[in-house]
Amino acid sequence: MFEKLVNIICNYVEVEPENVHPESRFMEDLGFTSFDFMSMLGELEEELDVEIDEHEAANIRTVQEAADYLEKLKAEE
């Protein structure tokens, strides 16, 4: 899940995959805007066929938190 997430992240911000780490924060470290983040969540919903809760997504700060959340959603299917 982490690698897939990194590939999608690199579509939204100009960062090399090797510079995306589990502890990387979307806004502060990777340069996401809130629009970028919401757009990425929409793509993830389509890619992974999951429903992302906006309130839960608002609490996601790091790449690892996002990967863990997505894995949890996939497990609930």
C-alpha atoms as a PDB file:
ATOM      1  CA  MET A   1       0.000   0.000   0.000  1.00  0.00           C
ATOM      2  CA  PHE A   2       2.827   2.387   0.867  1.00  0.00           C
ATOM      3  CA  GLU A   3       4.475   2.099  -2.569  1.00  0.00           C
ATOM      4  CA  LYS A   4       1.170   2.612  -4.371  1.00  0.00           C
ATOM      5  CA  LEU A   5       0.520   5.692  -2.251  1.00  0.00           C
ATOM      6  CA  VAL A   6       3.985   7.084  -3.003  1.00  0.00           C
ATOM      7  CA  ASN A   7       3.380   6.704  -6.748  1.00  0.00           C
ATOM      8  CA  ILE A   8       0.107   8.607  -6.496  1.00  0.00           C
ATOM      9  CA  ILE A   9       1.681  11.305  -4.292  1.00  0.00           C
ATOM     10  CA  CYS A  10       4.313  11.902  -6.975  1.00  0.00           C
ATOM     11  CA  ASN A  11       1.524  12.667  -9.461  1.00  0.00           C
ATOM     12  CA  TYR A  12       0.379  15.588  -7.316  1.00  0.00           C
ATOM     13  CA  VAL A  13       3.559  17.240  -6.090  1.00  0.00           C
ATOM     14  CA  GLU A  14       7.024  17.545  -7.545  1.00  0.00           C
ATOM     15  CA  VAL A  15       8.877  15.145  -5.301  1.00  0.00           C
ATOM     16  CA  GLU A  16      10.945  12.093  -6.122  1.00  0.00           C
ATOM     17  CA  PRO A  17       9.638   8.748  -4.787  1.00  0.00           C
ATOM     18  CA  GLU A  18      12.834   8.196  -2.789  1.00  0.00           C
ATOM     19  CA  ASN A  19      12.141  11.466  -0.937  1.00  0.00           C
ATOM     20  CA  VAL A  20       8.757  10.279   0.344  1.00  0.00           C
ATOM     21  CA  HIS A  21       9.102   8.612   3.743  1.00  0.00           C
ATOM     22  CA  PRO A  22       6.550   7.121   6.172  1.00  0.00           C
ATOM     23  CA  GLU A  23       6.951  10.136   8.460  1.00  0.00           C
ATOM     24  CA  SER A  24       6.670  12.688   5.608  1.00  0.00           C
ATOM     25  CA  ARG A  25       3.866  15.161   6.289  1.00  0.00           C
ATOM     26  CA  PHE A  26       1.677  15.998   3.307  1.00  0.00           C
ATOM     27  CA  MET A  27       1.500  19.770   3.768  1.00  0.00           C
ATOM     28  CA  GLU A  28       4.728  20.635   5.575  1.00  0.00           C
ATOM     29  CA  ASP A  29       7.180  18.206   3.963  1.00  0.00           C
ATOM     30  CA  LEU A  30       5.709  17.330   0.574  1.00  0.00           C
ATOM     31  CA  GLY A  31       4.170  20.686  -0.334  1.00  0.00           C
ATOM     32  CA  PHE A  32       0.558  19.581  -0.730  1.00  0.00           C
ATOM     33  CA  THR A  33      -2.182  22.180  -0.789  1.00  0.00           C
ATOM     34  CA  SER A  34      -5.543  21.198   0.678  1.00  0.00           C
ATOM     35  CA  PHE A  35      -6.864  21.021  -2.901  1.00  0.00           C
ATOM     36  CA  ASP A  36      -4.048  18.631  -3.895  1.00  0.00           C
ATOM     37  CA  PHE A  37      -4.780  16.483  -0.862  1.00  0.00           C
ATOM     38  CA  MET A  38      -8.511  16.272  -1.546  1.00  0.00           C
ATOM     39  CA  SER A  39      -7.888  15.522  -5.229  1.00  0.00           C
ATOM     40  CA  MET A  40      -5.494  12.750  -4.269  1.00  0.00           C
ATOM     41  CA  LEU A  41      -8.093  11.286  -1.885  1.00  0.00           C
ATOM     42  CA  GLY A  42     -10.611  11.214  -4.736  1.00  0.00           C
ATOM     43  CA  GLU A  43      -8.145   9.348  -6.927  1.00  0.00           C
ATOM     44  CA  LEU A  44      -7.397   6.898  -4.105  1.00  0.00           C
ATOM     45  CA  GLU A  45     -11.108   6.207  -3.673  1.00  0.00           C
ATOM     46  CA  GLU A  46     -11.378   5.319  -7.356  1.00  0.00           C
ATOM     47  CA  GLU A  47      -8.089   3.371  -7.521  1.00  0.00           C
ATOM     48  CA  LEU A  48      -8.762   1.303  -4.417  1.00  0.00           C
ATOM     49  CA  ASP A  49     -12.566   1.222  -4.577  1.00  0.00           C
ATOM     50  CA  VAL A  50     -12.956   2.536  -1.025  1.00  0.00           C
ATOM     51  CA  GLU A  51     -14.986   5.278   0.627  1.00  0.00           C
ATOM     52  CA  ILE A  52     -12.802   7.794   2.482  1.00  0.00           C
ATOM     53  CA  ASP A  53     -14.457   9.559   5.400  1.00  0.00           C
ATOM     54  CA  GLU A  54     -13.731  13.313   5.184  1.00  0.00           C
ATOM     55  CA  HIS A  55     -13.530  13.709   8.967  1.00  0.00           C
ATOM     56  CA  GLU A  56     -11.056  10.860   9.280  1.00  0.00           C
ATOM     57  CA  ALA A  57      -9.061  12.188   6.316  1.00  0.00           C
ATOM     58  CA  ALA A  58      -8.761  15.579   8.023  1.00  0.00           C
ATOM     59  CA  ASN A  59      -6.732  13.886  10.781  1.00  0.00           C
ATOM     60  CA  ILE A  60      -4.223  12.312   8.394  1.00  0.00           C
ATOM     61  CA  ARG A  61      -0.908  14.146   8.540  1.00  0.00           C
ATOM     62  CA  THR A  62       1.751  11.668   7.392  1.00  0.00           C
ATOM     63  CA  VAL A  63       2.135   9.244   4.519  1.00  0.00           C
ATOM     64  CA  GLN A  64       2.202   6.296   6.952  1.00  0.00           C
ATOM     65  CA  GLU A  65      -1.049   7.445   8.583  1.00  0.00           C
ATOM     66  CA  ALA A  66      -2.647   7.535   5.124  1.00  0.00           C
ATOM     67  CA  ALA A  67      -1.299   4.086   4.222  1.00  0.00           C
ATOM     68  CA  ASP A  68      -2.555   2.635   7.529  1.00  0.00           C
ATOM     69  CA  TYR A  69      -5.987   4.207   7.044  1.00  0.00           C
ATOM     70  CA  LEU A  70      -6.271   2.886   3.481  1.00  0.00           C
ATOM     71  CA  GLU A  71      -5.205  -0.603   4.568  1.00  0.00           C
ATOM     72  CA  LYS A  72      -7.872  -0.507   7.276  1.00  0.00           C
ATOM     73  CA  LEU A  73     -10.518   0.487   4.701  1.00  0.00           C
ATOM     74  CA  LYS A  74      -9.472  -2.321   2.357  1.00  0.00           C
ATOM     75  CA  ALA A  75      -9.605  -4.823   5.230  1.00  0.00           C
ATOM     76  CA  GLU A  76     -13.185  -3.782   6.028  1.00  0.00           C
ATOM     77  CA  GLU A  77     -14.428  -4.581   2.522  1.00  0.00           C
END
